[in-house]
Amino acid sequence: MSSIQQKEKLFSKKWFISYGLIVLGSLLFAVGDVMFVNPYRLAPGGTYGLANVFNSLWPWKISYYALCMDIPLLLIGTWILGPRFGIKTVVSTILISAFVWVLETTWGYAPLIHDGLIDNPLPGELSFVPDYFLNTLIAGIIYGLAIGLIFKSGATSGGSDIIAMILNKYTKISLGTLVLLVDSTITLTSFFAFKQIRLPIYSILLIAIESKVIDMIIDGVKTYKTVFIISNELDQIRKYIIEDLNRGGTSFKGSGLYNGVSRDMIYTTVTRNEYVKLQEAIKDIDPNAFINVMNSSEIIGKGFKPLSN
């Protein structure tokens, strides 16, 4: 066990927060799957995407189908890749299945969003008037929140990700590409099962929304700007950064490639709102200044996110 894992002591505050995130994330995932994804016959990747297709074709509980895939995948993954998944992934896998079982047993597979019910639907047709876009939008947000919270706890989603990890070990294809290929293949099963092209399209849209929400949960909604400034008036700019923005930075020397002239530079990181103020200040101080700006998804350290969190 690594020193990082050892810091999370049993029943400590960090332990409760971590497993609380897993419980909440697992519950949200179950809600999204049973009330939004399954009724619309969507298959947004993963073992539960495949389980939803199987459930619609051959009625058996989603949780049973998923467990029949997840347990062998965890065992095969541990055998081939080693015990890298950890107890948290096992816990999240079991909790998701349990919550899905409770909801499909008590709630059934009725959609939460629809434009009306159909009294006598044709065999194989939906029993309600669907609102695909709104349902997909909300499902993507719920899925993203769920998986984002699970990732935040230090667990993984397991399932089809394990297939991608195994393939990555024996091929030169990147893990990200393999995850996309595996999930895309699962998404396409909804088309072959129900012969409706809109199902994989809405499933892909759901995955896109989900991924954006996951990024927001993991990285936060704040956007930081990393700024390099070259100017003949660096003292004034430095004073503005320290006194008006209450930020720090680093100054260092560089030389131009063309003429070799030595120039002073400032490196600093500010929030998006602070960057707007900084840009206006530099415009007033030195209109001829050179500024290089980069987006930073996360800044850890004094004045930003503490390293201990």
C-alpha atoms as a PDB file:
ATOM      1  CA  MET A   1       0.000   0.000   0.000  1.00  0.00           C
ATOM      2  CA  SER A   2       1.375   3.436  -0.918  1.00  0.00           C
ATOM      3  CA  SER A   3       2.038   6.181   1.601  1.00  0.00           C
ATOM      4  CA  ILE A   4      -0.780   8.193   0.022  1.00  0.00           C
ATOM      5  CA  GLN A   5      -3.289   5.401   0.608  1.00  0.00           C
ATOM      6  CA  GLN A   6      -2.084   4.942   4.201  1.00  0.00           C
ATOM      7  CA  LYS A   7      -2.964   8.547   5.022  1.00  0.00           C
ATOM      8  CA  GLU A   8      -6.657   7.754   4.639  1.00  0.00           C
ATOM      9  CA  LYS A   9      -7.142   6.075   8.004  1.00  0.00           C
ATOM     10  CA  LEU A  10     -10.193   3.961   8.738  1.00  0.00           C
ATOM     11  CA  PHE A  11     -13.126   6.056  10.054  1.00  0.00           C
ATOM     12  CA  SER A  12     -11.149   9.294   9.752  1.00  0.00           C
ATOM     13  CA  LYS A  13     -12.791  12.444   8.379  1.00  0.00           C
ATOM     14  CA  LYS A  14     -11.131  11.871   5.015  1.00  0.00           C
ATOM     15  CA  TRP A  15     -12.349   8.257   5.012  1.00  0.00           C
ATOM     16  CA  PHE A  16     -15.970   9.296   5.656  1.00  0.00           C
ATOM     17  CA  ILE A  17     -15.823  11.989   2.956  1.00  0.00           C
ATOM     18  CA  SER A  18     -14.284   9.576   0.464  1.00  0.00           C
ATOM     19  CA  TYR A  19     -16.830   6.805   0.988  1.00  0.00           C
ATOM     20  CA  GLY A  20     -19.638   9.349   1.271  1.00  0.00           C
ATOM     21  CA  LEU A  21     -18.755  10.475  -2.268  1.00  0.00           C
ATOM     22  CA  ILE A  22     -18.865   6.856  -3.446  1.00  0.00           C
ATOM     23  CA  VAL A  23     -22.307   6.297  -1.892  1.00  0.00           C
ATOM     24  CA  LEU A  24     -23.732   9.528  -3.317  1.00  0.00           C
ATOM     25  CA  GLY A  25     -22.155   8.945  -6.720  1.00  0.00           C
ATOM     26  CA  SER A  26     -23.446   5.366  -6.862  1.00  0.00           C
ATOM     27  CA  LEU A  27     -26.968   6.476  -5.946  1.00  0.00           C
ATOM     28  CA  LEU A  28     -26.973   9.219  -8.593  1.00  0.00           C
ATOM     29  CA  PHE A  29     -25.716   6.760 -11.201  1.00  0.00           C
ATOM     30  CA  ALA A  30     -28.559   4.372 -10.371  1.00  0.00           C
ATOM     31  CA  VAL A  31     -31.128   7.177 -10.635  1.00  0.00           C
ATOM     32  CA  GLY A  32     -29.733   8.240 -14.001  1.00  0.00           C
ATOM     33  CA  ASP A  33     -29.683   4.712 -15.349  1.00  0.00           C
ATOM     34  CA  VAL A  34     -33.107   3.481 -14.186  1.00  0.00           C
ATOM     35  CA  MET A  35     -35.155   6.669 -14.600  1.00  0.00           C
ATOM     36  CA  PHE A  36     -33.514   8.286 -17.632  1.00  0.00           C
ATOM     37  CA  VAL A  37     -31.253   5.990 -19.646  1.00  0.00           C
ATOM     38  CA  ASN A  38     -33.023   2.625 -19.613  1.00  0.00           C
ATOM     39  CA  PRO A  39     -36.581   3.830 -20.434  1.00  0.00           C
ATOM     40  CA  TYR A  40     -35.236   5.527 -23.584  1.00  0.00           C
ATOM     41  CA  ARG A  41     -33.173   2.464 -24.594  1.00  0.00           C
ATOM     42  CA  LEU A  42     -29.935   4.439 -24.579  1.00  0.00           C
ATOM     43  CA  ALA A  43     -26.544   2.750 -24.254  1.00  0.00           C
ATOM     44  CA  PRO A  44     -23.934   5.340 -23.201  1.00  0.00           C
ATOM     45  CA  GLY A  45     -21.038   2.919 -22.945  1.00  0.00           C
ATOM     46  CA  GLY A  46     -19.959   0.814 -19.993  1.00  0.00           C
ATOM     47  CA  THR A  47     -21.390  -2.435 -18.729  1.00  0.00           C
ATOM     48  CA  TYR A  48     -24.619  -0.671 -17.778  1.00  0.00           C
ATOM     49  CA  GLY A  49     -25.063   0.568 -21.337  1.00  0.00           C
ATOM     50  CA  LEU A  50     -24.884  -3.038 -22.504  1.00  0.00           C
ATOM     51  CA  ALA A  51     -27.072  -4.183 -19.600  1.00  0.00           C
ATOM     52  CA  ASN A  52     -29.772  -1.687 -20.631  1.00  0.00           C
ATOM     53  CA  VAL A  53     -29.854  -3.124 -24.151  1.00  0.00           C
ATOM     54  CA  PHE A  54     -30.059  -6.693 -22.821  1.00  0.00           C
ATOM     55  CA  ASN A  55     -32.805  -5.655 -20.377  1.00  0.00           C
ATOM     56  CA  SER A  56     -34.916  -4.206 -23.196  1.00  0.00           C
ATOM     57  CA  LEU A  57     -34.490  -7.300 -25.377  1.00  0.00           C
ATOM     58  CA  TRP A  58     -34.657 -10.038 -22.743  1.00  0.00           C
ATOM     59  CA  PRO A  59     -36.350  -8.811 -19.534  1.00  0.00           C
ATOM     60  CA  TRP A  60     -34.054  -9.504 -16.602  1.00  0.00           C
ATOM     61  CA  LYS A  61     -32.912  -6.972 -14.032  1.00  0.00           C
ATOM     62  CA  ILE A  62     -30.262  -4.477 -15.190  1.00  0.00           C
ATOM     63  CA  SER A  63     -28.327  -5.031 -11.972  1.00  0.00           C
ATOM     64  CA  TYR A  64     -28.104  -8.766 -12.645  1.00  0.00           C
ATOM     65  CA  TYR A  65     -26.801  -8.260 -16.185  1.00  0.00           C
ATOM     66  CA  ALA A  66     -24.271  -5.679 -14.990  1.00  0.00           C
ATOM     67  CA  LEU A  67     -22.975  -7.829 -12.125  1.00  0.00           C
ATOM     68  CA  CYS A  68     -22.594 -10.783 -14.486  1.00  0.00           C
ATOM     69  CA  MET A  69     -20.208  -8.584 -16.513  1.00  0.00           C
ATOM     70  CA  ASP A  70     -18.561  -6.512 -13.758  1.00  0.00           C
ATOM     71  CA  ILE A  71     -17.495  -9.367 -11.466  1.00  0.00           C
ATOM     72  CA  PRO A  72     -15.658 -11.368 -14.187  1.00  0.00           C
ATOM     73  CA  LEU A  73     -14.073  -8.151 -15.483  1.00  0.00           C
ATOM     74  CA  LEU A  74     -12.784  -7.259 -12.013  1.00  0.00           C
ATOM     75  CA  LEU A  75     -11.367 -10.775 -11.576  1.00  0.00           C
ATOM     76  CA  ILE A  76      -9.793 -10.865 -15.053  1.00  0.00           C
ATOM     77  CA  GLY A  77      -8.471  -7.342 -14.611  1.00  0.00           C
ATOM     78  CA  THR A  78      -6.878  -8.218 -11.267  1.00  0.00           C
ATOM     79  CA  TRP A  79      -5.329 -11.356 -12.775  1.00  0.00           C
ATOM     80  CA  ILE A  80      -3.870  -9.595 -15.842  1.00  0.00           C
ATOM     81  CA  LEU A  81      -3.180  -6.100 -14.523  1.00  0.00           C
ATOM     82  CA  GLY A  82      -2.674  -6.725 -10.824  1.00  0.00           C
ATOM     83  CA  PRO A  83      -4.774  -5.373  -7.927  1.00  0.00           C
ATOM     84  CA  ARG A  84      -4.674  -1.768  -9.152  1.00  0.00           C
ATOM     85  CA  PHE A  85      -8.412  -1.160  -8.803  1.00  0.00           C
ATOM     86  CA  GLY A  86      -8.518  -1.167  -5.009  1.00  0.00           C
ATOM     87  CA  ILE A  87     -11.328  -1.714  -2.540  1.00  0.00           C
ATOM     88  CA  LYS A  88     -13.064   1.540  -3.489  1.00  0.00           C
ATOM     89  CA  THR A  89     -13.756   0.374  -7.030  1.00  0.00           C
ATOM     90  CA  VAL A  90     -15.152  -2.899  -5.689  1.00  0.00           C
ATOM     91  CA  VAL A  91     -17.362  -0.964  -3.232  1.00  0.00           C
ATOM     92  CA  SER A  92     -18.658   1.393  -5.938  1.00  0.00           C
ATOM     93  CA  THR A  93     -19.393  -1.558  -8.256  1.00  0.00           C
ATOM     94  CA  ILE A  94     -21.436  -3.314  -5.559  1.00  0.00           C
ATOM     95  CA  LEU A  95     -23.220  -0.132  -4.435  1.00  0.00           C
ATOM     96  CA  ILE A  96     -24.233   0.867  -7.959  1.00  0.00           C
ATOM     97  CA  SER A  97     -25.658  -2.596  -8.554  1.00  0.00           C
ATOM     98  CA  ALA A  98     -27.502  -2.518  -5.210  1.00  0.00           C
ATOM     99  CA  PHE A  99     -29.021   0.920  -5.818  1.00  0.00           C
ATOM    100  CA  VAL A 100     -30.028  -0.032  -9.362  1.00  0.00           C
ATOM    101  CA  TRP A 101     -31.679  -3.203  -8.021  1.00  0.00           C
ATOM    102  CA  VAL A 102     -33.645  -1.220  -5.403  1.00  0.00           C
ATOM    103  CA  LEU A 103     -34.851   1.345  -7.953  1.00  0.00           C
ATOM    104  CA  GLU A 104     -35.793  -1.136 -10.678  1.00  0.00           C
ATOM    105  CA  THR A 105     -37.617  -3.240  -8.061  1.00  0.00           C
ATOM    106  CA  THR A 106     -39.538  -0.330  -6.493  1.00  0.00           C
ATOM    107  CA  TRP A 107     -39.761   2.220  -9.309  1.00  0.00           C
ATOM    108  CA  GLY A 108     -39.668  -0.060 -12.333  1.00  0.00           C
ATOM    109  CA  TYR A 109     -38.497   1.340 -15.672  1.00  0.00           C
ATOM    110  CA  ALA A 110     -40.916   4.247 -16.018  1.00  0.00           C
ATOM    111  CA  PRO A 111     -39.351   7.426 -17.439  1.00  0.00           C
ATOM    112  CA  LEU A 112     -39.203  10.527 -15.294  1.00  0.00           C
ATOM    113  CA  ILE A 113     -39.361  12.772 -18.379  1.00  0.00           C
ATOM    114  CA  HIS A 114     -41.922  12.296 -21.139  1.00  0.00           C
ATOM    115  CA  ASP A 115     -44.617  14.178 -23.065  1.00  0.00           C
ATOM    116  CA  GLY A 116     -47.459  11.815 -22.195  1.00  0.00           C
ATOM    117  CA  LEU A 117     -48.269   8.138 -21.882  1.00  0.00           C
ATOM    118  CA  ILE A 118     -49.535   5.868 -24.681  1.00  0.00           C
ATOM    119  CA  ASP A 119     -52.450   3.615 -23.658  1.00  0.00           C
ATOM    120  CA  ASN A 120     -51.981   0.789 -26.146  1.00  0.00           C
ATOM    121  CA  PRO A 121     -48.422   0.908 -27.545  1.00  0.00           C
ATOM    122  CA  LEU A 122     -47.487  -1.395 -30.405  1.00  0.00           C
ATOM    123  CA  PRO A 123     -45.307  -4.393 -29.516  1.00  0.00           C
ATOM    124  CA  GLY A 124     -41.709  -3.287 -29.125  1.00  0.00           C
ATOM    125  CA  GLU A 125     -42.621   0.398 -29.065  1.00  0.00           C
ATOM    126  CA  LEU A 126     -42.257   2.836 -26.171  1.00  0.00           C
ATOM    127  CA  SER A 127     -45.244   3.246 -23.864  1.00  0.00           C
ATOM    128  CA  PHE A 128     -44.769   7.019 -23.699  1.00  0.00           C
ATOM    129  CA  VAL A 129     -44.154  10.034 -25.921  1.00  0.00           C
ATOM    130  CA  PRO A 130     -40.412  10.652 -25.596  1.00  0.00           C
ATOM    131  CA  ASP A 131     -38.539  13.932 -25.191  1.00  0.00           C
ATOM    132  CA  TYR A 132     -35.143  12.672 -26.260  1.00  0.00           C
ATOM    133  CA  PHE A 133     -33.178  15.903 -26.020  1.00  0.00           C
ATOM    134  CA  LEU A 134     -34.308  17.003 -22.543  1.00  0.00           C
ATOM    135  CA  ASN A 135     -33.964  13.462 -21.198  1.00  0.00           C
ATOM    136  CA  THR A 136     -30.462  13.099 -22.656  1.00  0.00           C
ATOM    137  CA  LEU A 137     -29.399  16.482 -21.269  1.00  0.00           C
ATOM    138  CA  ILE A 138     -30.505  15.664 -17.719  1.00  0.00           C
ATOM    139  CA  ALA A 139     -29.195  12.082 -17.921  1.00  0.00           C
ATOM    140  CA  GLY A 140     -25.774  13.370 -19.025  1.00  0.00           C
ATOM    141  CA  ILE A 141     -25.649  15.808 -16.108  1.00  0.00           C
ATOM    142  CA  ILE A 142     -26.661  13.122 -13.588  1.00  0.00           C
ATOM    143  CA  TYR A 143     -24.204  10.566 -15.014  1.00  0.00           C
ATOM    144  CA  GLY A 144     -21.434  13.184 -15.003  1.00  0.00           C
ATOM    145  CA  LEU A 145     -22.127  14.140 -11.378  1.00  0.00           C
ATOM    146  CA  ALA A 146     -22.225  10.473 -10.382  1.00  0.00           C
ATOM    147  CA  ILE A 147     -19.006   9.367 -12.062  1.00  0.00           C
ATOM    148  CA  GLY A 148     -17.264  12.621 -11.167  1.00  0.00           C
ATOM    149  CA  LEU A 149     -17.987  12.053  -7.471  1.00  0.00           C
ATOM    150  CA  ILE A 150     -16.809   8.443  -7.724  1.00  0.00           C
ATOM    151  CA  PHE A 151     -13.577   9.549  -9.429  1.00  0.00           C
ATOM    152  CA  LYS A 152     -13.166  12.293  -6.823  1.00  0.00           C
ATOM    153  CA  SER A 153     -13.195   9.628  -4.092  1.00  0.00           C
ATOM    154  CA  GLY A 154     -10.278   7.813  -5.701  1.00  0.00           C
ATOM    155  CA  ALA A 155     -12.356   4.955  -7.139  1.00  0.00           C
ATOM    156  CA  THR A 156     -12.807   4.115 -10.819  1.00  0.00           C
ATOM    157  CA  SER A 157     -15.870   3.152 -12.776  1.00  0.00           C
ATOM    158  CA  GLY A 158     -14.482  -0.307 -13.565  1.00  0.00           C
ATOM    159  CA  GLY A 159     -16.599  -2.107 -16.149  1.00  0.00           C
ATOM    160  CA  SER A 160     -15.586  -1.427 -19.736  1.00  0.00           C
ATOM    161  CA  ASP A 161     -12.612   0.657 -18.546  1.00  0.00           C
ATOM    162  CA  ILE A 162     -10.976  -2.619 -17.488  1.00  0.00           C
ATOM    163  CA  ILE A 163     -11.302  -3.953 -21.058  1.00  0.00           C
ATOM    164  CA  ALA A 164      -9.561  -0.816 -22.318  1.00  0.00           C
ATOM    165  CA  MET A 165      -6.771  -1.217 -19.719  1.00  0.00           C
ATOM    166  CA  ILE A 166      -6.190  -4.848 -20.768  1.00  0.00           C
ATOM    167  CA  LEU A 167      -6.080  -3.930 -24.472  1.00  0.00           C
ATOM    168  CA  ASN A 168      -3.729  -1.042 -23.654  1.00  0.00           C
ATOM    169  CA  LYS A 169      -1.300  -3.480 -22.061  1.00  0.00           C
ATOM    170  CA  TYR A 170      -0.987  -5.529 -25.259  1.00  0.00           C
ATOM    171  CA  THR A 171      -1.286  -2.795 -27.895  1.00  0.00           C
ATOM    172  CA  LYS A 172       0.335   0.561 -28.588  1.00  0.00           C
ATOM    173  CA  ILE A 173      -3.051   2.314 -28.649  1.00  0.00           C
ATOM    174  CA  SER A 174      -3.552   4.981 -25.971  1.00  0.00           C
ATOM    175  CA  LEU A 175      -5.898   4.266 -23.075  1.00  0.00           C
ATOM    176  CA  GLY A 176      -8.124   7.230 -23.962  1.00  0.00           C
ATOM    177  CA  THR A 177      -8.551   5.976 -27.531  1.00  0.00           C
ATOM    178  CA  LEU A 178      -9.321   2.457 -26.333  1.00  0.00           C
ATOM    179  CA  VAL A 179     -11.951   3.685 -23.839  1.00  0.00           C
ATOM    180  CA  LEU A 180     -13.575   5.642 -26.673  1.00  0.00           C
ATOM    181  CA  LEU A 181     -13.503   2.598 -28.989  1.00  0.00           C
ATOM    182  CA  VAL A 182     -14.963   0.243 -26.365  1.00  0.00           C
ATOM    183  CA  ASP A 183     -17.735   2.664 -25.343  1.00  0.00           C
ATOM    184  CA  SER A 184     -18.526   3.514 -28.985  1.00  0.00           C
ATOM    185  CA  THR A 185     -18.910  -0.179 -29.772  1.00  0.00           C
ATOM    186  CA  ILE A 186     -21.311  -0.569 -26.838  1.00  0.00           C
ATOM    187  CA  THR A 187     -23.211   2.531 -27.960  1.00  0.00           C
ATOM    188  CA  LEU A 188     -23.711   1.043 -31.422  1.00  0.00           C
ATOM    189  CA  THR A 189     -25.444  -2.007 -29.930  1.00  0.00           C
ATOM    190  CA  SER A 190     -28.547   0.153 -29.367  1.00  0.00           C
ATOM    191  CA  PHE A 191     -28.805   0.678 -33.128  1.00  0.00           C
ATOM    192  CA  PHE A 192     -28.388  -2.988 -34.004  1.00  0.00           C
ATOM    193  CA  ALA A 193     -30.874  -3.991 -31.292  1.00  0.00           C
ATOM    194  CA  PHE A 194     -33.643  -1.490 -32.112  1.00  0.00           C
ATOM    195  CA  LYS A 195     -32.779  -0.272 -35.665  1.00  0.00           C
ATOM    196  CA  GLN A 196     -33.079   3.394 -34.639  1.00  0.00           C
ATOM    197  CA  ILE A 197     -30.137   5.623 -35.576  1.00  0.00           C
ATOM    198  CA  ARG A 198     -31.186   8.284 -33.072  1.00  0.00           C
ATOM    199  CA  LEU A 199     -30.425   5.971 -30.137  1.00  0.00           C
ATOM    200  CA  PRO A 200     -26.622   5.831 -30.636  1.00  0.00           C
ATOM    201  CA  ILE A 201     -26.636   9.543 -31.553  1.00  0.00           C
ATOM    202  CA  TYR A 202     -28.348  10.509 -28.308  1.00  0.00           C
ATOM    203  CA  SER A 203     -26.134   8.050 -26.420  1.00  0.00           C
ATOM    204  CA  ILE A 204     -23.020   9.782 -27.799  1.00  0.00           C
ATOM    205  CA  LEU A 205     -24.504  13.177 -26.888  1.00  0.00           C
ATOM    206  CA  LEU A 206     -25.073  11.879 -23.353  1.00  0.00           C
ATOM    207  CA  ILE A 207     -21.423  10.759 -23.142  1.00  0.00           C
ATOM    208  CA  ALA A 208     -20.255  14.206 -24.320  1.00  0.00           C
ATOM    209  CA  ILE A 209     -22.358  16.005 -21.677  1.00  0.00           C
ATOM    210  CA  GLU A 210     -21.265  13.506 -19.035  1.00  0.00           C
ATOM    211  CA  SER A 211     -17.556  14.058 -19.803  1.00  0.00           C
ATOM    212  CA  LYS A 212     -17.894  17.847 -19.466  1.00  0.00           C
ATOM    213  CA  VAL A 213     -19.621  17.516 -16.096  1.00  0.00           C
ATOM    214  CA  ILE A 214     -16.962  15.047 -14.907  1.00  0.00           C
ATOM    215  CA  ASP A 215     -14.262  17.589 -15.794  1.00  0.00           C
ATOM    216  CA  MET A 216     -16.125  20.267 -13.818  1.00  0.00           C
ATOM    217  CA  ILE A 217     -16.382  17.986 -10.778  1.00  0.00           C
ATOM    218  CA  ILE A 218     -12.717  16.941 -10.919  1.00  0.00           C
ATOM    219  CA  ASP A 219     -11.114  20.240 -11.964  1.00  0.00           C
ATOM    220  CA  GLY A 220     -13.680  22.714 -10.630  1.00  0.00           C
ATOM    221  CA  VAL A 221     -15.511  25.437 -12.539  1.00  0.00           C
ATOM    222  CA  LYS A 222     -12.800  28.038 -12.069  1.00  0.00           C
ATOM    223  CA  THR A 223     -10.552  28.805 -15.018  1.00  0.00           C
ATOM    224  CA  TYR A 224      -7.090  30.097 -14.246  1.00  0.00           C
ATOM    225  CA  LYS A 225      -4.801  32.019 -16.552  1.00  0.00           C
ATOM    226  CA  THR A 226      -1.055  31.521 -16.537  1.00  0.00           C
ATOM    227  CA  VAL A 227       0.517  34.724 -17.858  1.00  0.00           C
ATOM    228  CA  PHE A 228       4.020  35.537 -19.159  1.00  0.00           C
ATOM    229  CA  ILE A 229       4.692  39.257 -19.496  1.00  0.00           C
ATOM    230  CA  ILE A 230       7.591  40.999 -21.251  1.00  0.00           C
ATOM    231  CA  SER A 231       7.656  44.767 -20.844  1.00  0.00           C
ATOM    232  CA  ASN A 232       9.919  47.769 -20.361  1.00  0.00           C
ATOM    233  CA  GLU A 233       7.718  48.748 -17.399  1.00  0.00           C
ATOM    234  CA  LEU A 234       7.884  45.561 -15.357  1.00  0.00           C
ATOM    235  CA  ASP A 235       8.287  47.397 -12.041  1.00  0.00           C
ATOM    236  CA  GLN A 236       4.862  49.056 -12.421  1.00  0.00           C
ATOM    237  CA  ILE A 237       3.260  45.820 -13.596  1.00  0.00           C
ATOM    238  CA  ARG A 238       4.869  43.941 -10.713  1.00  0.00           C
ATOM    239  CA  LYS A 239       3.531  46.524  -8.246  1.00  0.00           C
ATOM    240  CA  TYR A 240       0.015  46.199  -9.712  1.00  0.00           C
ATOM    241  CA  ILE A 241       0.055  42.385  -9.449  1.00  0.00           C
ATOM    242  CA  ILE A 242       1.216  42.452  -5.817  1.00  0.00           C
ATOM    243  CA  GLU A 243      -0.745  45.414  -4.462  1.00  0.00           C
ATOM    244  CA  ASP A 244      -3.946  45.515  -6.532  1.00  0.00           C
ATOM    245  CA  LEU A 245      -4.488  41.848  -7.377  1.00  0.00           C
ATOM    246  CA  ASN A 246      -2.843  40.551  -4.206  1.00  0.00           C
ATOM    247  CA  ARG A 247      -1.057  37.885  -6.234  1.00  0.00           C
ATOM    248  CA  GLY A 248       2.519  36.722  -6.417  1.00  0.00           C
ATOM    249  CA  GLY A 249       4.644  35.649  -9.318  1.00  0.00           C
ATOM    250  CA  THR A 250       8.163  35.025 -10.529  1.00  0.00           C
ATOM    251  CA  SER A 251      10.459  37.372 -12.416  1.00  0.00           C
ATOM    252  CA  PHE A 252      13.377  36.086 -14.471  1.00  0.00           C
ATOM    253  CA  LYS A 253      15.651  37.109 -17.314  1.00  0.00           C
ATOM    254  CA  GLY A 254      15.534  35.942 -20.892  1.00  0.00           C
ATOM    255  CA  SER A 255      17.067  36.922 -24.191  1.00  0.00           C
ATOM    256  CA  GLY A 256      15.497  37.416 -27.598  1.00  0.00           C
ATOM    257  CA  LEU A 257      16.344  34.843 -30.284  1.00  0.00           C
ATOM    258  CA  TYR A 258      16.595  37.479 -33.019  1.00  0.00           C
ATOM    259  CA  ASN A 259      18.936  40.071 -31.478  1.00  0.00           C
ATOM    260  CA  GLY A 260      19.995  38.439 -28.215  1.00  0.00           C
ATOM    261  CA  VAL A 261      18.897  41.439 -26.154  1.00  0.00           C
ATOM    262  CA  SER A 262      18.357  40.584 -22.464  1.00  0.00           C
ATOM    263  CA  ARG A 263      14.812  41.173 -21.223  1.00  0.00           C
ATOM    264  CA  ASP A 264      13.084  40.778 -17.870  1.00  0.00           C
ATOM    265  CA  MET A 265       9.899  38.684 -17.724  1.00  0.00           C
ATOM    266  CA  ILE A 266       7.128  38.064 -15.184  1.00  0.00           C
ATOM    267  CA  TYR A 267       5.366  34.741 -14.726  1.00  0.00           C
ATOM    268  CA  THR A 268       2.119  34.784 -12.725  1.00  0.00           C
ATOM    269  CA  THR A 269      -1.150  32.902 -12.393  1.00  0.00           C
ATOM    270  CA  VAL A 270      -4.485  34.650 -11.864  1.00  0.00           C
ATOM    271  CA  THR A 271      -8.195  33.878 -12.071  1.00  0.00           C
ATOM    272  CA  ARG A 272     -10.166  34.699 -15.207  1.00  0.00           C
ATOM    273  CA  ASN A 273     -11.655  37.832 -13.637  1.00  0.00           C
ATOM    274  CA  GLU A 274      -8.267  38.974 -12.372  1.00  0.00           C
ATOM    275  CA  TYR A 275      -6.777  38.494 -15.835  1.00  0.00           C
ATOM    276  CA  VAL A 276      -9.272  40.952 -17.328  1.00  0.00           C
ATOM    277  CA  LYS A 277      -8.148  43.564 -14.765  1.00  0.00           C
ATOM    278  CA  LEU A 278      -4.475  42.743 -15.350  1.00  0.00           C
ATOM    279  CA  GLN A 279      -4.832  43.084 -19.110  1.00  0.00           C
ATOM    280  CA  GLU A 280      -6.429  46.516 -18.768  1.00  0.00           C
ATOM    281  CA  ALA A 281      -3.712  47.620 -16.340  1.00  0.00           C
ATOM    282  CA  ILE A 282      -0.908  46.472 -18.675  1.00  0.00           C
ATOM    283  CA  LYS A 283      -2.594  48.285 -21.557  1.00  0.00           C
ATOM    284  CA  ASP A 284      -2.426  51.513 -19.557  1.00  0.00           C
ATOM    285  CA  ILE A 285       1.104  50.943 -18.214  1.00  0.00           C
ATOM    286  CA  ASP A 286       2.784  49.684 -21.403  1.00  0.00           C
ATOM    287  CA  PRO A 287       0.738  49.358 -24.625  1.00  0.00           C
ATOM    288  CA  ASN A 288       3.764  47.697 -26.278  1.00  0.00           C
ATOM    289  CA  ALA A 289       4.044  44.885 -23.719  1.00  0.00           C
ATOM    290  CA  PHE A 290       4.150  41.275 -24.927  1.00  0.00           C
ATOM    291  CA  ILE A 291       1.768  38.896 -23.109  1.00  0.00           C
ATOM    292  CA  ASN A 292       1.514  35.122 -23.482  1.00  0.00           C
ATOM    293  CA  VAL A 293      -1.622  33.645 -21.867  1.00  0.00           C
ATOM    294  CA  MET A 294      -2.398  29.971 -21.232  1.00  0.00           C
ATOM    295  CA  ASN A 295      -5.445  28.316 -19.675  1.00  0.00           C
ATOM    296  CA  SER A 296      -4.720  26.261 -16.550  1.00  0.00           C
ATOM    297  CA  SER A 297      -7.377  23.811 -15.375  1.00  0.00           C
ATOM    298  CA  GLU A 298      -5.960  23.528 -11.864  1.00  0.00           C
ATOM    299  CA  ILE A 299      -3.468  25.457  -9.738  1.00  0.00           C
ATOM    300  CA  ILE A 300      -2.263  23.930  -6.482  1.00  0.00           C
ATOM    301  CA  GLY A 301      -0.360  25.935  -3.911  1.00  0.00           C
ATOM    302  CA  LYS A 302      -0.484  29.033  -1.730  1.00  0.00           C
ATOM    303  CA  GLY A 303      -3.244  31.423  -2.748  1.00  0.00           C
ATOM    304  CA  PHE A 304      -5.082  28.741  -4.729  1.00  0.00           C
ATOM    305  CA  LYS A 305      -6.043  25.148  -3.948  1.00  0.00           C
ATOM    306  CA  PRO A 306      -4.171  23.710  -0.931  1.00  0.00           C
ATOM    307  CA  LEU A 307      -1.957  20.743  -1.725  1.00  0.00           C
ATOM    308  CA  SER A 308      -3.311  18.885   1.318  1.00  0.00           C
ATOM    309  CA  ASN A 309      -6.904  18.669  -0.082  1.00  0.00           C
END
